[in-house]
Amino acid sequence: VQLQASGGGLVQAGGSLRLSCVVSGDTLNMYNMAWFRRAPGKEREFVAVKRFNGQSYYGDSVKGRFTISRDNAKNTLYLQMNEVKPEDTSVYYCAAGTKTTISAYVSSSDRYEFWGQGTLVTVSS
C-alpha cells in the first residue's frame, strides 16, 4: 500500500486548508485511515481517524475545527482544516492501519503499518 499526501502550504491563522492522501495498491475503506502530525521538536500527535466502518475520531486539539473524510471512488482520504491556529503548524502524515484495531487504540501510531511522506502546513499569525 502506498500513500501520497499533498495539500500543505502556508495559511493565515483563522483560514482553511484541505489535505489529501491518495491510496494506491489497495482499497482505502479496507483500513483505518488516519492523520498524524509532528511539529518541530515535538512528539508525533494523533489528529483524526476514519475507521473502515465510517466512524470518525479526533484529537482534542482539533475537535470541532478539522473534519476527516474519504472518497471511496477516488481512493482518497481528506482532512479539512478550518479555523487554523499557529499551533497547527506541523508536518502532516496520512497512515493506514489494519481494520481489526478497535476504537480504543486508533490514536496510537504503532497501530498503522503504512505511512505517507508528509506534507508541511505552516500557519502564520
N, C-alpha and C. Protein backbone atom coordinates (compact mmCIF):
# COMPACT_ATOMS: atom_id res chain seq x y z
N VAL A 1 0.86 -1.20 0.00
CA VAL A 1 0.00 0.00 0.00
C VAL A 1 0.88 1.24 0.00
N GLN A 2 0.61 2.16 -0.90
CA GLN A 2 1.36 3.42 -0.95
C GLN A 2 0.41 4.58 -0.68
N LEU A 3 0.92 5.54 0.07
CA LEU A 3 0.13 6.71 0.44
C LEU A 3 0.87 7.96 -0.04
N GLN A 4 0.14 8.85 -0.68
CA GLN A 4 0.74 10.09 -1.19
C GLN A 4 -0.07 11.27 -0.65
N ALA A 5 0.54 12.00 0.29
CA ALA A 5 -0.13 13.15 0.89
C ALA A 5 0.23 14.42 0.13
N SER A 6 -0.71 15.35 0.09
CA SER A 6 -0.49 16.64 -0.56
C SER A 6 -1.45 17.66 0.02
N GLY A 7 -1.26 18.92 -0.39
CA GLY A 7 -2.18 19.97 0.00
C GLY A 7 -1.66 20.92 1.06
N GLY A 8 -0.48 20.64 1.59
CA GLY A 8 0.08 21.53 2.58
C GLY A 8 0.49 22.86 1.98
N GLY A 9 0.80 23.81 2.85
CA GLY A 9 1.22 25.12 2.39
C GLY A 9 1.17 26.13 3.51
N LEU A 10 1.24 27.39 3.13
CA LEU A 10 1.21 28.49 4.08
C LEU A 10 -0.21 29.07 4.13
N VAL A 11 -0.75 29.21 5.33
CA VAL A 11 -2.09 29.74 5.51
C VAL A 11 -2.10 30.66 6.72
N GLN A 12 -2.91 31.68 6.67
CA GLN A 12 -3.02 32.61 7.80
C GLN A 12 -3.90 32.03 8.89
N ALA A 13 -3.63 32.40 10.10
CA ALA A 13 -4.46 31.97 11.22
C ALA A 13 -5.92 32.35 10.96
N GLY A 14 -6.81 31.41 11.27
CA GLY A 14 -8.22 31.61 11.01
C GLY A 14 -8.67 31.12 9.64
N GLY A 15 -7.73 30.79 8.79
CA GLY A 15 -8.04 30.33 7.45
C GLY A 15 -8.29 28.84 7.38
N SER A 16 -8.37 28.34 6.15
CA SER A 16 -8.69 26.93 5.91
C SER A 16 -7.73 26.32 4.91
N LEU A 17 -7.61 24.99 5.00
CA LEU A 17 -6.75 24.24 4.11
C LEU A 17 -7.30 22.83 4.03
N ARG A 18 -7.17 22.18 2.87
CA ARG A 18 -7.58 20.79 2.77
C ARG A 18 -6.42 19.92 2.32
N LEU A 19 -6.13 18.92 3.11
CA LEU A 19 -5.10 17.95 2.78
C LEU A 19 -5.73 16.74 2.11
N SER A 20 -4.96 16.13 1.21
CA SER A 20 -5.41 14.92 0.53
C SER A 20 -4.38 13.82 0.69
N CYS A 21 -4.86 12.59 0.66
CA CYS A 21 -3.97 11.43 0.73
C CYS A 21 -4.51 10.38 -0.24
N VAL A 22 -3.80 10.19 -1.33
CA VAL A 22 -4.22 9.22 -2.34
C VAL A 22 -3.62 7.86 -1.99
N VAL A 23 -4.46 6.86 -1.97
CA VAL A 23 -4.05 5.50 -1.63
C VAL A 23 -3.95 4.67 -2.91
N SER A 24 -2.87 3.94 -3.05
CA SER A 24 -2.72 3.02 -4.18
C SER A 24 -2.26 1.66 -3.66
N GLY A 25 -2.57 0.63 -4.40
CA GLY A 25 -2.17 -0.71 -4.03
C GLY A 25 -3.21 -1.49 -3.27
N ASP A 26 -4.23 -0.82 -2.81
CA ASP A 26 -5.33 -1.49 -2.11
C ASP A 26 -6.49 -0.51 -1.99
N THR A 27 -7.59 -1.00 -1.45
CA THR A 27 -8.80 -0.18 -1.31
C THR A 27 -8.80 0.52 0.03
N LEU A 28 -8.99 1.83 -0.02
CA LEU A 28 -8.90 2.67 1.17
C LEU A 28 -9.83 2.21 2.29
N ASN A 29 -11.05 1.82 1.95
CA ASN A 29 -12.02 1.54 3.01
C ASN A 29 -11.84 0.14 3.62
N MET A 30 -10.75 -0.53 3.30
CA MET A 30 -10.39 -1.78 3.98
C MET A 30 -9.52 -1.50 5.20
N TYR A 31 -9.19 -0.23 5.44
CA TYR A 31 -8.26 0.15 6.50
C TYR A 31 -8.87 1.22 7.40
N ASN A 32 -8.30 1.33 8.59
CA ASN A 32 -8.47 2.54 9.37
C ASN A 32 -7.48 3.55 8.80
N MET A 33 -7.98 4.72 8.40
CA MET A 33 -7.14 5.74 7.78
C MET A 33 -7.04 6.94 8.70
N ALA A 34 -5.82 7.37 8.96
CA ALA A 34 -5.63 8.42 9.96
C ALA A 34 -4.70 9.52 9.47
N TRP A 35 -4.78 10.63 10.15
CA TRP A 35 -3.83 11.74 10.01
C TRP A 35 -3.13 11.91 11.36
N PHE A 36 -1.81 12.03 11.27
CA PHE A 36 -0.99 12.39 12.41
C PHE A 36 -0.20 13.64 12.02
N ARG A 37 0.39 14.28 13.00
CA ARG A 37 1.24 15.43 12.72
C ARG A 37 2.39 15.47 13.68
N ARG A 38 3.46 16.12 13.23
CA ARG A 38 4.62 16.31 14.09
C ARG A 38 5.14 17.72 13.90
N ALA A 39 5.13 18.47 14.96
CA ALA A 39 5.69 19.83 14.95
C ALA A 39 7.17 19.76 15.30
N PRO A 40 7.96 20.74 14.89
CA PRO A 40 9.39 20.73 15.20
C PRO A 40 9.64 20.59 16.70
N GLY A 41 10.44 19.61 17.07
CA GLY A 41 10.81 19.43 18.45
C GLY A 41 9.75 18.78 19.32
N LYS A 42 8.68 18.30 18.70
CA LYS A 42 7.60 17.70 19.48
C LYS A 42 7.35 16.25 19.05
N GLU A 43 6.60 15.55 19.89
CA GLU A 43 6.23 14.18 19.58
C GLU A 43 5.15 14.15 18.49
N ARG A 44 5.08 13.01 17.80
CA ARG A 44 4.01 12.83 16.83
C ARG A 44 2.67 12.83 17.55
N GLU A 45 1.70 13.48 16.95
CA GLU A 45 0.40 13.67 17.59
C GLU A 45 -0.72 13.15 16.70
N PHE A 46 -1.64 12.44 17.30
CA PHE A 46 -2.81 11.96 16.59
C PHE A 46 -3.73 13.13 16.25
N VAL A 47 -4.21 13.19 15.01
CA VAL A 47 -5.11 14.25 14.58
C VAL A 47 -6.54 13.72 14.40
N ALA A 48 -6.69 12.71 13.57
CA ALA A 48 -8.03 12.19 13.27
C ALA A 48 -7.92 10.84 12.60
N VAL A 49 -8.99 10.06 12.70
CA VAL A 49 -9.05 8.76 12.03
C VAL A 49 -10.45 8.55 11.46
N LYS A 50 -10.47 7.93 10.28
CA LYS A 50 -11.71 7.45 9.69
C LYS A 50 -11.59 5.93 9.65
N ARG A 51 -12.35 5.26 10.51
CA ARG A 51 -12.27 3.81 10.55
C ARG A 51 -12.91 3.21 9.29
N PHE A 52 -12.58 1.93 9.04
CA PHE A 52 -13.09 1.27 7.85
C PHE A 52 -14.62 1.29 7.79
N ASN A 53 -15.26 1.31 8.98
CA ASN A 53 -16.72 1.28 9.04
C ASN A 53 -17.35 2.67 9.01
N GLY A 54 -16.53 3.69 8.82
CA GLY A 54 -17.04 5.05 8.71
C GLY A 54 -16.97 5.89 9.97
N GLN A 55 -16.70 5.29 11.10
CA GLN A 55 -16.60 6.06 12.34
C GLN A 55 -15.41 7.01 12.26
N SER A 56 -15.59 8.18 12.85
CA SER A 56 -14.52 9.19 12.89
C SER A 56 -14.20 9.57 14.33
N TYR A 57 -12.93 9.76 14.59
CA TYR A 57 -12.48 10.22 15.91
C TYR A 57 -11.43 11.31 15.70
N TYR A 58 -11.38 12.24 16.66
CA TYR A 58 -10.49 13.38 16.54
C TYR A 58 -9.68 13.58 17.81
N GLY A 59 -8.49 14.13 17.63
CA GLY A 59 -7.71 14.55 18.77
C GLY A 59 -8.35 15.78 19.40
N ASP A 60 -8.13 15.95 20.69
CA ASP A 60 -8.78 17.04 21.42
C ASP A 60 -8.41 18.41 20.86
N SER A 61 -7.19 18.56 20.37
CA SER A 61 -6.73 19.86 19.93
C SER A 61 -7.36 20.31 18.60
N VAL A 62 -7.98 19.40 17.88
CA VAL A 62 -8.55 19.77 16.57
C VAL A 62 -10.05 19.55 16.52
N LYS A 63 -10.61 18.99 17.57
CA LYS A 63 -12.03 18.68 17.58
C LYS A 63 -12.86 19.95 17.35
N GLY A 64 -13.82 19.86 16.44
CA GLY A 64 -14.67 21.00 16.13
C GLY A 64 -14.11 21.91 15.05
N ARG A 65 -12.84 21.73 14.68
CA ARG A 65 -12.21 22.58 13.64
C ARG A 65 -11.83 21.77 12.40
N PHE A 66 -11.41 20.55 12.58
CA PHE A 66 -10.97 19.70 11.48
C PHE A 66 -12.02 18.63 11.21
N THR A 67 -12.10 18.22 9.93
CA THR A 67 -13.02 17.15 9.54
C THR A 67 -12.29 16.17 8.63
N ILE A 68 -12.36 14.90 8.99
CA ILE A 68 -11.78 13.85 8.16
C ILE A 68 -12.86 13.21 7.31
N SER A 69 -12.52 12.93 6.08
CA SER A 69 -13.49 12.30 5.18
C SER A 69 -12.74 11.46 4.16
N ARG A 70 -13.48 10.68 3.42
CA ARG A 70 -12.87 9.86 2.38
C ARG A 70 -13.79 9.80 1.18
N ASP A 71 -13.17 9.62 0.02
CA ASP A 71 -13.91 9.42 -1.23
C ASP A 71 -13.50 8.05 -1.74
N ASN A 72 -14.38 7.09 -1.56
CA ASN A 72 -14.04 5.72 -1.93
C ASN A 72 -13.80 5.57 -3.43
N ALA A 73 -14.53 6.31 -4.22
CA ALA A 73 -14.36 6.22 -5.68
C ALA A 73 -12.99 6.70 -6.12
N LYS A 74 -12.46 7.69 -5.40
CA LYS A 74 -11.13 8.23 -5.72
C LYS A 74 -10.04 7.61 -4.88
N ASN A 75 -10.45 6.74 -3.96
CA ASN A 75 -9.47 6.10 -3.06
C ASN A 75 -8.61 7.15 -2.35
N THR A 76 -9.27 8.19 -1.89
CA THR A 76 -8.57 9.34 -1.32
C THR A 76 -9.15 9.72 0.04
N LEU A 77 -8.25 10.02 0.96
CA LEU A 77 -8.58 10.50 2.30
C LEU A 77 -8.34 12.00 2.33
N TYR A 78 -9.18 12.72 3.06
CA TYR A 78 -9.06 14.17 3.17
C TYR A 78 -9.00 14.60 4.63
N LEU A 79 -8.42 15.76 4.84
CA LEU A 79 -8.50 16.44 6.12
C LEU A 79 -8.82 17.90 5.84
N GLN A 80 -10.04 18.29 6.15
CA GLN A 80 -10.44 19.69 6.02
C GLN A 80 -10.07 20.41 7.31
N MET A 81 -9.22 21.42 7.19
CA MET A 81 -8.73 22.14 8.34
C MET A 81 -9.33 23.54 8.32
N ASN A 82 -10.15 23.87 9.28
CA ASN A 82 -10.76 25.19 9.39
C ASN A 82 -10.29 25.88 10.67
N GLU A 83 -10.41 27.19 10.69
CA GLU A 83 -10.03 27.99 11.86
C GLU A 83 -8.64 27.59 12.35
N VAL A 84 -7.70 27.51 11.44
CA VAL A 84 -6.37 27.04 11.81
C VAL A 84 -5.69 28.04 12.74
N LYS A 85 -4.79 27.50 13.55
CA LYS A 85 -4.06 28.28 14.53
C LYS A 85 -2.56 28.09 14.30
N PRO A 86 -1.74 29.01 14.75
CA PRO A 86 -0.28 28.83 14.60
C PRO A 86 0.21 27.50 15.18
N GLU A 87 -0.42 27.03 16.23
CA GLU A 87 0.00 25.76 16.84
C GLU A 87 -0.37 24.55 15.98
N ASP A 88 -1.10 24.75 14.89
CA ASP A 88 -1.36 23.66 13.95
C ASP A 88 -0.20 23.45 12.98
N THR A 89 0.79 24.33 13.02
CA THR A 89 1.96 24.20 12.15
C THR A 89 2.68 22.89 12.44
N SER A 90 2.78 22.05 11.41
CA SER A 90 3.37 20.72 11.56
C SER A 90 3.55 20.10 10.18
N VAL A 91 4.27 19.00 10.17
CA VAL A 91 4.22 18.10 9.02
C VAL A 91 3.09 17.11 9.28
N TYR A 92 2.20 17.00 8.33
CA TYR A 92 1.04 16.12 8.47
C TYR A 92 1.26 14.85 7.66
N TYR A 93 0.99 13.72 8.30
CA TYR A 93 1.19 12.41 7.69
C TYR A 93 -0.14 11.65 7.64
N CYS A 94 -0.41 11.00 6.52
CA CYS A 94 -1.53 10.08 6.50
C CYS A 94 -1.00 8.66 6.72
N ALA A 95 -1.84 7.82 7.29
CA ALA A 95 -1.43 6.48 7.64
C ALA A 95 -2.59 5.50 7.48
N ALA A 96 -2.26 4.27 7.17
CA ALA A 96 -3.26 3.21 7.01
C ALA A 96 -2.93 2.07 7.97
N GLY A 97 -3.96 1.61 8.68
CA GLY A 97 -3.76 0.54 9.64
C GLY A 97 -4.84 -0.51 9.53
N THR A 98 -4.55 -1.68 10.07
CA THR A 98 -5.48 -2.79 9.99
C THR A 98 -6.83 -2.44 10.61
N LYS A 99 -7.88 -2.88 9.98
CA LYS A 99 -9.22 -2.54 10.46
C LYS A 99 -9.58 -3.30 11.73
N THR A 100 -8.76 -4.28 12.12
CA THR A 100 -9.07 -5.02 13.34
C THR A 100 -8.75 -4.23 14.60
N THR A 101 -8.05 -3.11 14.45
CA THR A 101 -7.76 -2.27 15.62
C THR A 101 -9.05 -1.63 16.12
N ILE A 102 -9.35 -1.85 17.40
CA ILE A 102 -10.60 -1.30 17.94
C ILE A 102 -10.45 0.18 18.20
N SER A 103 -11.56 0.84 18.40
CA SER A 103 -11.57 2.30 18.50
C SER A 103 -10.71 2.83 19.64
N ALA A 104 -10.55 2.04 20.70
CA ALA A 104 -9.78 2.50 21.85
C ALA A 104 -8.31 2.72 21.51
N TYR A 105 -7.84 2.12 20.44
CA TYR A 105 -6.42 2.18 20.12
C TYR A 105 -6.11 2.89 18.80
N VAL A 106 -7.09 3.46 18.16
CA VAL A 106 -6.86 4.04 16.84
C VAL A 106 -6.02 5.31 16.88
N SER A 107 -5.80 5.88 18.05
CA SER A 107 -4.98 7.07 18.14
C SER A 107 -3.50 6.74 18.34
N SER A 108 -3.17 5.46 18.43
CA SER A 108 -1.78 5.04 18.64
C SER A 108 -1.09 4.84 17.30
N SER A 109 0.02 5.52 17.09
CA SER A 109 0.70 5.46 15.80
C SER A 109 1.23 4.06 15.49
N ASP A 110 1.49 3.26 16.52
CA ASP A 110 2.03 1.92 16.26
C ASP A 110 0.99 0.95 15.72
N ARG A 111 -0.27 1.41 15.60
CA ARG A 111 -1.33 0.59 15.02
C ARG A 111 -1.45 0.80 13.52
N TYR A 112 -0.54 1.55 12.93
CA TYR A 112 -0.60 1.87 11.50
C TYR A 112 0.64 1.35 10.80
N GLU A 113 0.43 0.55 9.77
CA GLU A 113 1.53 -0.10 9.09
C GLU A 113 2.09 0.69 7.91
N PHE A 114 1.27 1.51 7.32
CA PHE A 114 1.66 2.22 6.10
C PHE A 114 1.56 3.72 6.31
N TRP A 115 2.58 4.44 5.83
CA TRP A 115 2.66 5.89 6.05
C TRP A 115 3.00 6.60 4.76
N GLY A 116 2.40 7.79 4.61
CA GLY A 116 2.77 8.67 3.52
C GLY A 116 4.01 9.48 3.88
N GLN A 117 4.45 10.32 2.96
CA GLN A 117 5.71 11.03 3.13
C GLN A 117 5.58 12.32 3.91
N GLY A 118 4.37 12.79 4.16
CA GLY A 118 4.18 14.01 4.92
C GLY A 118 4.02 15.23 4.03
N THR A 119 3.22 16.17 4.51
CA THR A 119 3.04 17.45 3.82
C THR A 119 3.06 18.55 4.88
N LEU A 120 3.82 19.61 4.61
CA LEU A 120 4.05 20.65 5.61
C LEU A 120 2.94 21.69 5.58
N VAL A 121 2.38 21.96 6.75
CA VAL A 121 1.40 23.03 6.92
C VAL A 121 2.02 24.08 7.84
N THR A 122 2.03 25.32 7.38
CA THR A 122 2.56 26.42 8.17
C THR A 122 1.45 27.46 8.34
N VAL A 123 1.15 27.77 9.59
CA VAL A 123 0.10 28.74 9.89
C VAL A 123 0.76 30.00 10.43
N SER A 124 0.56 31.10 9.75
CA SER A 124 1.14 32.37 10.19
C SER A 124 0.14 33.14 11.06
N SER A 125 0.69 33.86 12.02
CA SER A 125 -0.17 34.62 12.95
C SER A 125 -0.43 36.02 12.45
